[in-house]
Amino acid sequence: MRISRVAGATPFRSSVSNPALKGRAKFNRRYAAAKLFSPKTVSRTATSALPLVVAFALVAISRATPRVDLTFFSRTGVDQTRALSESKTQIVFLGTGTPNADPDRSGPAVAIIVNDQPYLVDFGPGVVRRASLAFRNGITGLALPKLTRAFVTHLHSDHTVGYPDLIFTPWVLERKEPLEVYGPPGLRAMTGHILAAYKQDIDIRLHGLEHANPNGYKVIAHEIKPGLIYKDANVTVKAFLVRHGSWKWAFGYRFETPDRTIVISGDTAPADSIVENCKQCDVLIHEVYSQAGFVTRTPAWQQYHSHFHTSTKELAQLATRAKPGILILYHQLFWGMTEESLLSEIRSGYQGRVVSAHDLDVY
């Protein structure tokens, strides 16, 4: 199993629940070990063949299980192994994409899980199936009936196309309590239109042979203003305004959990409010576009992106001021550049820890 590594972070493994994959992994490990320690192999050590055998054995093992990138980071813990075992908070990237239809990156969606209770930020396309896959990979907090709390940064389609899925699919799969959603003005109208569009579906499921429960499809939509918007035993959530072009209401969020402080930018041009709300937070999750790719865009698109989003150069300056424990990039616009080149653009102006998130990464 390939585990991503971050400087200063302690990687950890997630169990894979698929019996077929487990069986194949077990067979390949035994086969590799048998080959490695057979008399014929050992006799070749003097001829320097052993490194090649080891390499093939490692390849066999790494190919036996799917790629799972899981990284734990806490800036407050000295003993990282102990911090891992005691951590109450997980950050799971359910979607790291943009409006571009990249099959490897679902629409923006992040799950913050505290004591096995998930809190979603945004619900782009693919959110529920990504949550289901994360659950299959061992993230028990993402069992679909547990998807009962969500926060939306703004009402752009790439952040909300998964909203009907989030409302209805977990209900069909036995969510028994209403979904509570927090977001900008306009959220209630959007919610009402979705429920109206699925009126026949709701009626058939409630009154047909399915006999679905009467509450799991309901939505309590809270239209918010900046400030404290949510608090329970696990989290305190504060909303703050960001600068997303023509949008009057676009929010970032600050999550305070028992062991971590996490700030999520949503879509935004550089905003002082992010620096003010991070203030050496443990984790800053921020959108970004490649400055090198930006210069290849037409003047019209350059005008748009410079008002709606944040360049690598601008983010490096912002993160230097905010001083997060780790900066995690999502909603990345590459425009022909590579992931590594985009990271290099950031690192040329920022000395802190920075990583590029992928779908299903866990921090």
Protein backbone atom coordinates (compact mmCIF):
# COMPACT_ATOMS: atom_id res chain seq x y z
CA MET A 1 0.00 0.00 0.00
CA ARG A 2 1.47 3.33 -1.02
CA ILE A 3 1.34 5.94 1.73
CA SER A 4 1.99 9.59 0.91
CA ARG A 5 4.64 11.31 3.00
CA VAL A 6 4.81 14.93 4.10
CA ALA A 7 7.79 16.51 5.79
CA GLY A 8 7.14 16.53 9.53
CA ALA A 9 4.10 14.27 9.26
CA THR A 10 3.53 10.69 10.34
CA PRO A 11 1.82 8.51 7.72
CA PHE A 12 -0.63 5.83 8.75
CA ARG A 13 -2.46 2.99 7.07
CA SER A 14 -6.14 2.43 6.47
CA SER A 15 -7.63 -1.05 6.38
CA VAL A 16 -8.90 -2.34 3.05
CA SER A 17 -12.16 -4.18 3.52
CA ASN A 18 -12.38 -5.91 0.12
CA PRO A 19 -11.69 -9.64 0.83
CA ALA A 20 -10.52 -10.25 -2.72
CA LEU A 21 -7.89 -7.53 -2.44
CA LYS A 22 -6.81 -8.81 0.96
CA GLY A 23 -6.47 -12.33 -0.39
CA ARG A 24 -4.50 -11.23 -3.41
CA ALA A 25 -2.23 -9.09 -1.24
CA LYS A 26 -1.62 -12.04 1.12
CA PHE A 27 -0.80 -14.36 -1.78
CA ASN A 28 1.59 -11.87 -3.38
CA ARG A 29 3.39 -11.23 -0.10
CA ARG A 30 3.88 -14.96 0.47
CA TYR A 31 5.01 -15.48 -3.09
CA ALA A 32 7.47 -12.59 -2.88
CA ALA A 33 8.85 -13.85 0.42
CA ALA A 34 9.23 -17.39 -0.91
CA LYS A 35 11.12 -16.16 -3.94
CA LEU A 36 13.28 -13.88 -1.87
CA PHE A 37 14.44 -16.50 0.60
CA SER A 38 14.63 -19.60 -1.61
CA PRO A 39 18.04 -21.32 -1.80
CA LYS A 40 18.34 -20.41 -5.45
CA THR A 41 17.82 -16.73 -4.71
CA VAL A 42 20.17 -16.69 -1.73
CA SER A 43 22.90 -18.34 -3.78
CA ARG A 44 22.78 -15.45 -6.19
CA THR A 45 23.48 -12.85 -3.55
CA ALA A 46 27.20 -12.91 -4.34
CA THR A 47 26.41 -11.95 -7.93
CA SER A 48 24.43 -8.88 -6.77
CA ALA A 49 21.04 -10.17 -7.96
CA LEU A 50 19.38 -9.71 -4.56
CA PRO A 51 18.58 -6.00 -5.05
CA LEU A 52 16.70 -6.87 -8.23
CA VAL A 53 14.72 -9.61 -6.45
CA VAL A 54 13.86 -7.19 -3.64
CA ALA A 55 12.69 -4.63 -6.19
CA PHE A 56 10.39 -7.15 -7.88
CA ALA A 57 9.05 -8.24 -4.49
CA LEU A 58 8.23 -4.66 -3.53
CA VAL A 59 6.51 -4.09 -6.86
CA ALA A 60 4.41 -7.23 -6.32
CA ILE A 61 3.35 -6.04 -2.88
CA SER A 62 2.62 -2.45 -3.96
CA ARG A 63 0.44 -3.61 -6.86
CA ALA A 64 -1.58 -5.93 -4.66
CA THR A 65 -3.64 -3.18 -3.03
CA PRO A 66 -5.21 0.05 -4.26
CA ARG A 67 -3.47 3.38 -3.77
CA VAL A 68 -4.51 5.02 -0.50
CA ASP A 69 -2.85 8.31 0.45
CA LEU A 70 -3.31 8.88 4.16
CA THR A 71 -1.30 11.43 6.13
CA PHE A 72 -1.69 12.64 9.70
CA PHE A 73 -0.36 15.99 10.83
CA SER A 74 -0.72 17.90 14.10
CA ARG A 75 1.49 20.87 14.86
CA THR A 76 0.77 20.60 18.60
CA GLY A 77 1.91 17.03 19.32
CA VAL A 78 5.52 16.17 20.07
CA ASP A 79 4.96 12.42 19.99
CA GLN A 80 3.40 11.93 16.55
CA THR A 81 2.60 8.23 17.15
CA ARG A 82 0.75 9.08 20.33
CA ALA A 83 -0.97 12.04 18.63
CA LEU A 84 -2.19 9.71 15.87
CA SER A 85 -3.67 7.19 18.28
CA GLU A 86 -5.40 9.91 20.31
CA SER A 87 -6.54 12.17 17.46
CA LYS A 88 -10.26 12.80 17.34
CA THR A 89 -10.23 14.61 13.99
CA GLN A 90 -9.82 13.39 10.42
CA ILE A 91 -9.94 15.47 7.23
CA VAL A 92 -11.09 13.47 4.21
CA PHE A 93 -10.98 14.99 0.73
CA LEU A 94 -14.06 13.69 -1.06
CA GLY A 95 -13.48 15.96 -4.05
CA THR A 96 -10.55 18.17 -5.00
CA GLY A 97 -11.65 19.26 -8.46
CA THR A 98 -12.96 22.32 -10.27
CA PRO A 99 -15.72 22.84 -12.87
CA ASN A 100 -13.48 20.90 -15.27
CA ALA A 101 -14.81 17.35 -15.69
CA ASP A 102 -11.66 15.57 -14.49
CA PRO A 103 -12.55 11.90 -13.78
CA ASP A 104 -9.78 11.70 -11.18
CA ARG A 105 -11.03 14.70 -9.21
CA SER A 106 -14.64 14.93 -8.10
CA GLY A 107 -16.25 18.28 -7.36
CA PRO A 108 -15.19 20.20 -4.25
CA ALA A 109 -16.15 18.44 -1.03
CA VAL A 110 -14.26 18.03 2.25
CA ALA A 111 -15.34 15.96 5.25
CA ILE A 112 -14.13 16.90 8.72
CA ILE A 113 -14.79 13.93 11.00
CA VAL A 114 -14.71 14.23 14.78
CA ASN A 115 -15.51 11.25 16.98
CA ASP A 116 -16.96 9.47 13.95
CA GLN A 117 -19.37 12.34 13.14
CA PRO A 118 -18.82 13.90 9.69
CA TYR A 119 -19.24 17.56 8.81
CA LEU A 120 -19.18 18.23 5.06
CA VAL A 121 -17.94 21.41 3.44
CA ASP A 122 -19.45 21.76 -0.04
CA PHE A 123 -21.08 19.00 -2.06
CA GLY A 124 -19.77 18.97 -5.60
CA PRO A 125 -20.56 16.20 -8.11
CA GLY A 126 -19.65 12.73 -6.85
CA VAL A 127 -19.75 13.58 -3.15
CA VAL A 128 -21.87 10.65 -1.95
CA ARG A 129 -20.05 7.97 -3.92
CA ARG A 130 -16.70 9.31 -2.78
CA ALA A 131 -17.97 9.13 0.81
CA SER A 132 -19.09 5.55 0.21
CA LEU A 133 -15.66 4.63 -1.16
CA ALA A 134 -13.92 6.26 1.81
CA PHE A 135 -16.18 4.21 4.11
CA ARG A 136 -15.23 1.06 2.21
CA ASN A 137 -11.58 1.99 2.76
CA GLY A 138 -12.07 2.08 6.52
CA ILE A 139 -13.31 5.61 7.31
CA THR A 140 -16.22 4.56 9.51
CA GLY A 141 -17.40 8.12 10.07
CA LEU A 142 -18.51 8.31 6.45
CA ALA A 143 -21.24 5.68 6.65
CA LEU A 144 -23.95 7.29 4.53
CA PRO A 145 -26.65 7.49 7.25
CA LYS A 146 -24.22 9.67 9.23
CA LEU A 147 -24.19 12.41 6.57
CA THR A 148 -26.41 14.82 8.48
CA ARG A 149 -24.41 18.09 8.69
CA ALA A 150 -23.11 20.16 5.79
CA PHE A 151 -21.77 23.65 5.13
CA VAL A 152 -21.65 25.27 1.71
CA THR A 153 -19.17 28.03 0.89
CA HIS A 154 -21.15 29.57 -2.00
CA LEU A 155 -23.77 28.54 -4.53
CA HIS A 156 -21.63 27.98 -7.64
CA SER A 157 -22.75 24.84 -9.46
CA ASP A 158 -19.47 22.92 -9.06
CA HIS A 159 -19.89 23.20 -5.27
CA THR A 160 -23.59 22.29 -5.16
CA VAL A 161 -24.45 19.87 -8.00
CA GLY A 162 -24.14 17.03 -5.49
CA TYR A 163 -26.81 18.57 -3.23
CA PRO A 164 -29.73 16.43 -4.47
CA ASP A 165 -27.53 13.35 -4.09
CA LEU A 166 -26.70 14.34 -0.51
CA ILE A 167 -30.38 14.90 0.26
CA PHE A 168 -31.80 11.72 -1.23
CA THR A 169 -29.22 8.92 -1.47
CA PRO A 170 -28.41 8.67 2.26
CA TRP A 171 -32.17 8.78 2.95
CA VAL A 172 -32.75 5.85 0.60
CA LEU A 173 -29.92 4.09 2.46
CA GLU A 174 -31.53 4.55 5.89
CA ARG A 175 -30.62 8.03 7.09
CA LYS A 176 -33.43 8.69 9.56
CA GLU A 177 -32.91 12.31 10.58
CA PRO A 178 -33.15 15.51 8.53
CA LEU A 179 -30.09 16.94 6.82
CA GLU A 180 -28.97 20.25 8.30
CA VAL A 181 -27.21 22.59 5.87
CA TYR A 182 -25.60 25.97 6.54
CA GLY A 183 -24.77 28.44 3.80
CA PRO A 184 -25.31 31.83 2.18
CA PRO A 185 -28.60 33.55 1.36
CA GLY A 186 -30.25 31.71 -1.51
CA LEU A 187 -29.69 28.31 0.10
CA ARG A 188 -33.32 27.99 1.22
CA ALA A 189 -34.61 28.74 -2.28
CA MET A 190 -32.23 26.21 -3.81
CA THR A 191 -33.31 23.60 -1.27
CA GLY A 192 -36.98 24.23 -1.91
CA HIS A 193 -36.56 23.91 -5.68
CA ILE A 194 -34.70 20.60 -5.31
CA LEU A 195 -37.37 19.13 -3.05
CA ALA A 196 -40.09 20.33 -5.43
CA ALA A 197 -38.30 18.76 -8.40
CA TYR A 198 -38.25 15.38 -6.64
CA LYS A 199 -41.82 15.57 -5.31
CA GLN A 200 -42.95 12.46 -7.17
CA ASP A 201 -39.91 10.48 -6.05
CA ILE A 202 -40.56 11.45 -2.43
CA ASP A 203 -44.23 10.52 -2.70
CA ILE A 204 -43.54 7.09 -4.22
CA ARG A 205 -40.89 6.25 -1.64
CA LEU A 206 -43.05 7.35 1.28
CA HIS A 207 -46.39 5.91 0.16
CA GLY A 208 -45.44 3.07 -2.19
CA LEU A 209 -44.18 -0.38 -1.32
CA GLU A 210 -40.80 0.98 -0.19
CA HIS A 211 -42.24 2.60 2.98
CA ALA A 212 -39.24 4.88 3.43
CA ASN A 213 -38.84 6.67 6.74
CA PRO A 214 -40.56 10.08 6.86
CA ASN A 215 -37.66 12.27 8.00
CA GLY A 216 -34.43 11.33 6.19
CA TYR A 217 -35.17 13.38 3.06
CA LYS A 218 -36.06 16.56 4.94
CA VAL A 219 -33.66 19.49 4.97
CA ILE A 220 -33.23 22.23 7.54
CA ALA A 221 -31.52 25.03 5.62
CA HIS A 222 -29.81 27.76 7.67
CA GLU A 223 -28.88 30.98 5.83
CA ILE A 224 -25.90 32.42 7.66
CA LYS A 225 -24.01 35.64 8.26
CA PRO A 226 -20.34 35.95 9.33
CA GLY A 227 -19.57 34.79 12.87
CA LEU A 228 -20.30 31.73 15.01
CA ILE A 229 -22.81 29.60 13.09
CA TYR A 230 -22.65 26.14 14.65
CA LYS A 231 -21.50 24.46 17.86
CA ASP A 232 -21.88 20.99 19.33
CA ALA A 233 -19.79 18.67 21.51
CA ASN A 234 -17.37 18.02 18.63
CA VAL A 235 -16.88 21.28 16.74
CA THR A 236 -17.26 25.03 16.81
CA VAL A 237 -17.75 26.48 13.32
CA LYS A 238 -17.23 30.12 12.39
CA ALA A 239 -18.01 31.60 8.97
CA PHE A 240 -16.18 34.53 7.41
CA LEU A 241 -16.56 36.38 4.12
CA VAL A 242 -14.09 35.83 1.28
CA ARG A 243 -13.63 37.58 -2.10
CA HIS A 244 -15.09 35.47 -4.89
CA GLY A 245 -15.59 37.92 -7.73
CA SER A 246 -19.21 38.91 -8.29
CA TRP A 247 -20.62 36.78 -5.47
CA LYS A 248 -22.02 38.95 -2.67
CA TRP A 249 -22.05 35.98 -0.30
CA ALA A 250 -19.08 33.62 -0.36
CA PHE A 251 -17.75 32.11 2.84
CA GLY A 252 -14.72 30.42 4.28
CA TYR A 253 -15.02 28.33 7.44
CA ARG A 254 -12.98 27.86 10.59
CA PHE A 255 -13.50 24.54 12.41
CA GLU A 256 -12.28 24.23 15.99
CA THR A 257 -12.20 20.62 17.22
CA PRO A 258 -10.79 19.21 20.48
CA ASP A 259 -7.39 18.65 18.88
CA ARG A 260 -7.13 20.77 15.71
CA THR A 261 -8.07 24.07 14.12
CA ILE A 262 -8.88 23.85 10.41
CA VAL A 263 -9.57 26.73 8.02
CA ILE A 264 -11.13 26.17 4.58
CA SER A 265 -10.99 28.98 2.05
CA GLY A 266 -13.71 27.96 -0.37
CA ASP A 267 -13.31 29.75 -3.71
CA THR A 268 -11.66 33.12 -3.25
CA ALA A 269 -9.23 35.72 -4.46
CA PRO A 270 -6.61 36.61 -1.83
CA ALA A 271 -8.49 37.62 1.34
CA ASP A 272 -7.20 39.08 4.60
CA SER A 273 -10.06 37.30 6.36
CA ILE A 274 -8.28 33.99 5.75
CA VAL A 275 -5.12 35.24 7.43
CA GLU A 276 -7.15 36.60 10.35
CA ASN A 277 -9.03 33.33 10.86
CA CYS A 278 -6.01 31.06 10.44
CA LYS A 279 -3.52 32.74 12.82
CA GLN A 280 -1.21 29.72 12.99
CA CYS A 281 -4.07 27.24 12.57
CA ASP A 282 -3.14 23.57 12.32
CA VAL A 283 -4.44 23.17 8.76
CA LEU A 284 -5.22 25.68 6.00
CA ILE A 285 -7.07 24.21 3.01
CA HIS A 286 -6.92 26.67 0.14
CA GLU A 287 -7.79 26.84 -3.55
CA VAL A 288 -5.13 27.90 -6.07
CA TYR A 289 -4.26 28.35 -9.74
CA SER A 290 -0.89 28.08 -11.48
CA GLN A 291 0.70 31.45 -12.18
CA ALA A 292 2.67 29.89 -15.04
CA GLY A 293 -0.52 28.50 -16.54
CA PHE A 294 -2.34 31.79 -16.02
CA VAL A 295 -0.17 33.60 -18.57
CA THR A 296 -1.34 31.18 -21.27
CA ARG A 297 -4.99 32.17 -20.78
CA THR A 298 -6.85 34.73 -22.88
CA PRO A 299 -7.19 38.27 -21.48
CA ALA A 300 -10.89 37.68 -20.72
CA TRP A 301 -10.15 34.55 -18.68
CA GLN A 302 -7.23 36.27 -16.95
CA GLN A 303 -9.57 39.04 -15.83
CA TYR A 304 -12.07 36.48 -14.53
CA HIS A 305 -9.60 34.28 -12.64
CA SER A 306 -7.69 37.19 -11.08
CA HIS A 307 -10.96 38.41 -9.50
CA PHE A 308 -12.37 35.02 -8.47
CA HIS A 309 -9.36 32.90 -7.50
CA THR A 310 -5.86 32.93 -5.97
CA SER A 311 -2.58 32.45 -7.82
CA THR A 312 0.35 30.41 -6.54
CA LYS A 313 2.32 33.63 -5.99
CA GLU A 314 -0.53 35.23 -4.06
CA LEU A 315 -1.12 32.11 -1.98
CA ALA A 316 2.55 31.89 -1.05
CA GLN A 317 2.37 35.43 0.28
CA LEU A 318 -0.91 34.77 2.11
CA ALA A 319 0.31 31.53 3.72
CA THR A 320 3.51 33.24 4.85
CA ARG A 321 1.33 35.66 6.80
CA ALA A 322 -1.16 33.05 8.04
CA LYS A 323 1.51 30.57 9.19
CA PRO A 324 -0.54 27.34 9.14
CA GLY A 325 0.94 24.10 10.41
CA ILE A 326 0.32 22.64 6.98
CA LEU A 327 -1.09 24.16 3.77
CA ILE A 328 -3.21 21.76 1.71
CA LEU A 329 -4.08 22.70 -1.87
CA TYR A 330 -7.41 21.79 -3.45
CA HIS A 331 -9.59 23.16 -6.27
CA GLN A 332 -6.36 23.51 -8.28
CA LEU A 333 -6.28 24.95 -11.80
CA PHE A 334 -3.19 23.65 -13.61
CA TRP A 335 -3.78 24.83 -17.21
CA GLY A 336 -1.19 22.48 -18.66
CA MET A 337 1.23 22.68 -15.76
CA THR A 338 2.10 19.65 -13.63
CA GLU A 339 1.23 19.14 -9.99
CA GLU A 340 4.91 19.28 -9.06
CA SER A 341 5.49 22.50 -10.99
CA LEU A 342 2.52 24.11 -9.23
CA LEU A 343 3.94 23.06 -5.87
CA SER A 344 7.31 24.49 -6.91
CA GLU A 345 5.61 27.81 -7.69
CA ILE A 346 4.25 27.88 -4.13
CA ARG A 347 7.53 26.81 -2.54
CA SER A 348 9.47 29.53 -4.34
CA GLY A 349 7.72 32.05 -2.08
CA TYR A 350 6.62 29.98 0.92
CA GLN A 351 8.85 28.07 3.31
CA GLY A 352 6.19 26.14 5.23
CA ARG A 353 4.79 22.65 4.66
CA VAL A 354 2.57 22.40 1.59
CA VAL A 355 0.94 19.43 -0.16
CA SER A 356 -1.42 18.89 -3.07
CA ALA A 357 -4.60 17.03 -2.11
CA HIS A 358 -6.14 14.18 -4.12
CA ASP A 359 -9.57 12.65 -3.82
CA LEU A 360 -9.77 10.29 -0.79
CA ASP A 361 -6.63 11.67 0.86
CA VAL A 362 -6.97 11.70 4.65
CA TYR A 363 -5.16 14.10 6.98
